C-alpha cells in the first residue's frame, strides 16, 4: 500500500493498493473522504500512469 501526503507530511491525500487478478492489474485509490476509485489495466506501467493522472487531476501542484 502506498500513502501519499502533502509536502508537510501532515495531510493524507490518498492510499493506493495494487493487486493482480489473472492478467489484470487492479488499483484502488482510497481518498480521505472514504471514496474509492478503482482502476484496471492489463499493463502494469499503464495502471501506474492511470494512478498518477488521477492523483494529478485531484491534487494539482
N, C-alpha and C. Protein backbone atom coordinates (compact mmCIF):
# COMPACT_ATOMS: atom_id res chain seq x y z
N UNK A 1 0.85 -1.16 0.00
CA UNK A 1 0.00 0.00 0.00
C UNK A 1 0.90 1.23 0.00
N UNK A 2 0.56 2.18 -0.84
CA UNK A 2 1.27 3.46 -0.89
C UNK A 2 0.41 4.51 -0.22
N UNK A 3 1.04 5.39 0.52
CA UNK A 3 0.32 6.50 1.14
C UNK A 3 0.92 7.79 0.62
N UNK A 4 0.06 8.68 0.12
CA UNK A 4 0.50 9.95 -0.41
C UNK A 4 0.08 11.05 0.55
N UNK A 5 1.04 11.93 0.89
CA UNK A 5 0.75 13.05 1.79
C UNK A 5 1.21 14.34 1.13
N UNK A 6 0.80 15.47 1.71
CA UNK A 6 1.25 16.76 1.18
C UNK A 6 2.70 16.99 1.59
N UNK A 7 3.28 18.11 1.16
CA UNK A 7 4.69 18.39 1.42
C UNK A 7 5.03 18.46 2.90
N UNK A 8 4.08 18.82 3.73
CA UNK A 8 4.32 18.93 5.17
C UNK A 8 4.16 17.59 5.88
N UNK A 9 3.79 16.56 5.14
CA UNK A 9 3.57 15.22 5.68
C UNK A 9 2.49 15.21 6.76
N UNK A 10 1.59 16.19 6.70
CA UNK A 10 0.58 16.27 7.75
C UNK A 10 -0.82 15.88 7.26
N UNK A 11 -1.05 15.93 5.98
CA UNK A 11 -2.39 15.64 5.47
C UNK A 11 -2.31 14.45 4.52
N UNK A 12 -3.07 13.41 4.84
CA UNK A 12 -3.11 12.24 3.97
C UNK A 12 -3.97 12.57 2.76
N UNK A 13 -3.41 12.43 1.57
CA UNK A 13 -4.14 12.73 0.34
C UNK A 13 -4.82 11.49 -0.22
N UNK A 14 -4.14 10.34 -0.17
CA UNK A 14 -4.72 9.12 -0.72
C UNK A 14 -3.87 7.92 -0.32
N UNK A 15 -4.50 6.76 -0.35
CA UNK A 15 -3.79 5.49 -0.22
C UNK A 15 -4.06 4.72 -1.50
N UNK A 16 -3.06 3.99 -1.98
CA UNK A 16 -3.21 3.23 -3.22
C UNK A 16 -2.86 1.78 -2.95
N UNK A 17 -3.74 0.89 -3.38
CA UNK A 17 -3.49 -0.54 -3.30
C UNK A 17 -3.47 -1.09 -4.72
N UNK A 18 -2.47 -1.90 -5.04
CA UNK A 18 -2.38 -2.50 -6.36
C UNK A 18 -2.33 -4.01 -6.18
N UNK A 19 -3.16 -4.71 -6.94
CA UNK A 19 -3.16 -6.16 -6.90
C UNK A 19 -3.27 -6.68 -8.33
N UNK A 20 -3.13 -7.99 -8.47
CA UNK A 20 -3.21 -8.60 -9.80
C UNK A 20 -4.15 -9.79 -9.72
N UNK A 21 -5.12 -9.80 -10.63
CA UNK A 21 -6.04 -10.92 -10.75
C UNK A 21 -5.90 -11.46 -12.16
N UNK A 22 -5.32 -12.65 -12.28
CA UNK A 22 -5.06 -13.19 -13.61
C UNK A 22 -4.06 -12.31 -14.32
N UNK A 23 -4.45 -11.78 -15.47
CA UNK A 23 -3.58 -10.90 -16.26
C UNK A 23 -3.89 -9.43 -16.04
N UNK A 24 -4.82 -9.12 -15.14
CA UNK A 24 -5.28 -7.74 -14.95
C UNK A 24 -4.77 -7.17 -13.64
N UNK A 25 -4.18 -5.98 -13.72
CA UNK A 25 -3.76 -5.24 -12.53
C UNK A 25 -4.91 -4.37 -12.07
N UNK A 26 -5.20 -4.42 -10.79
CA UNK A 26 -6.26 -3.62 -10.19
C UNK A 26 -5.65 -2.63 -9.22
N UNK A 27 -6.07 -1.39 -9.32
CA UNK A 27 -5.59 -0.36 -8.39
C UNK A 27 -6.80 0.26 -7.72
N UNK A 28 -6.68 0.44 -6.42
CA UNK A 28 -7.72 1.14 -5.65
C UNK A 28 -7.09 2.37 -5.06
N UNK A 29 -7.69 3.53 -5.36
CA UNK A 29 -7.26 4.78 -4.76
C UNK A 29 -8.28 5.10 -3.68
N UNK A 30 -7.83 5.15 -2.44
CA UNK A 30 -8.72 5.39 -1.31
C UNK A 30 -8.47 6.82 -0.83
N UNK A 31 -9.50 7.64 -0.94
CA UNK A 31 -9.40 9.05 -0.58
C UNK A 31 -9.79 9.26 0.88
N UNK A 32 -9.35 10.35 1.50
CA UNK A 32 -9.67 10.60 2.91
C UNK A 32 -11.18 10.64 3.18
N UNK A 33 -11.97 10.99 2.18
CA UNK A 33 -13.42 11.04 2.34
C UNK A 33 -14.03 9.65 2.45
N UNK A 34 -13.23 8.62 2.12
CA UNK A 34 -13.73 7.26 2.11
C UNK A 34 -14.11 6.80 0.72
N UNK A 35 -14.15 7.73 -0.24
CA UNK A 35 -14.43 7.36 -1.62
C UNK A 35 -13.31 6.47 -2.13
N UNK A 36 -13.68 5.50 -2.97
CA UNK A 36 -12.70 4.58 -3.55
C UNK A 36 -12.83 4.63 -5.07
N UNK A 37 -11.70 4.84 -5.73
CA UNK A 37 -11.64 4.83 -7.19
C UNK A 37 -10.93 3.54 -7.58
N UNK A 38 -11.54 2.77 -8.48
CA UNK A 38 -10.94 1.52 -8.92
C UNK A 38 -10.51 1.66 -10.38
N UNK A 39 -9.27 1.29 -10.64
CA UNK A 39 -8.72 1.32 -11.99
C UNK A 39 -8.24 -0.08 -12.33
N UNK A 40 -8.31 -0.45 -13.61
CA UNK A 40 -7.76 -1.73 -14.01
C UNK A 40 -7.15 -1.63 -15.39
N UNK A 41 -6.11 -2.45 -15.60
CA UNK A 41 -5.42 -2.45 -16.87
C UNK A 41 -4.59 -3.72 -16.95
N UNK A 42 -4.37 -4.22 -18.16
CA UNK A 42 -3.55 -5.41 -18.35
C UNK A 42 -2.06 -5.10 -18.32
N UNK A 43 -1.70 -3.82 -18.40
CA UNK A 43 -0.29 -3.42 -18.42
C UNK A 43 0.04 -2.68 -17.13
N UNK A 44 1.06 -3.14 -16.40
CA UNK A 44 1.40 -2.56 -15.11
C UNK A 44 1.79 -1.09 -15.23
N UNK A 45 2.62 -0.76 -16.22
CA UNK A 45 3.04 0.63 -16.39
C UNK A 45 1.85 1.54 -16.69
N UNK A 46 0.89 1.04 -17.44
CA UNK A 46 -0.29 1.85 -17.76
C UNK A 46 -1.16 2.07 -16.53
N UNK A 47 -1.28 1.08 -15.65
CA UNK A 47 -2.08 1.29 -14.45
C UNK A 47 -1.38 2.30 -13.54
N UNK A 48 -0.04 2.28 -13.50
CA UNK A 48 0.68 3.30 -12.73
C UNK A 48 0.44 4.69 -13.32
N UNK A 49 0.41 4.78 -14.64
CA UNK A 49 0.14 6.07 -15.29
C UNK A 49 -1.28 6.54 -14.99
N UNK A 50 -2.24 5.62 -14.98
CA UNK A 50 -3.62 5.98 -14.63
C UNK A 50 -3.69 6.53 -13.21
N UNK A 51 -2.98 5.89 -12.28
CA UNK A 51 -2.96 6.36 -10.89
C UNK A 51 -2.38 7.77 -10.83
N UNK A 52 -1.23 7.96 -11.49
CA UNK A 52 -0.57 9.26 -11.48
C UNK A 52 -1.48 10.34 -12.07
N UNK A 53 -2.14 10.04 -13.18
CA UNK A 53 -3.02 11.01 -13.82
C UNK A 53 -4.20 11.36 -12.92
N UNK A 54 -4.79 10.36 -12.28
CA UNK A 54 -5.93 10.61 -11.40
C UNK A 54 -5.53 11.51 -10.24
N UNK A 55 -4.39 11.19 -9.61
CA UNK A 55 -3.95 11.98 -8.46
C UNK A 55 -3.55 13.40 -8.88
N UNK A 56 -2.95 13.53 -10.06
CA UNK A 56 -2.57 14.86 -10.56
C UNK A 56 -3.80 15.73 -10.79
N UNK A 57 -4.87 15.13 -11.32
CA UNK A 57 -6.12 15.88 -11.54
C UNK A 57 -6.75 16.30 -10.22
N UNK A 58 -6.70 15.43 -9.23
CA UNK A 58 -7.31 15.74 -7.93
C UNK A 58 -6.49 16.75 -7.13
N UNK A 59 -5.18 16.66 -7.24
CA UNK A 59 -4.28 17.48 -6.42
C UNK A 59 -3.25 18.18 -7.30
N UNK A 60 -3.69 19.14 -8.12
CA UNK A 60 -2.72 19.83 -8.99
C UNK A 60 -1.70 20.60 -8.15
N UNK A 61 -0.50 20.71 -8.68
CA UNK A 61 0.55 21.41 -7.94
C UNK A 61 0.52 22.90 -8.18
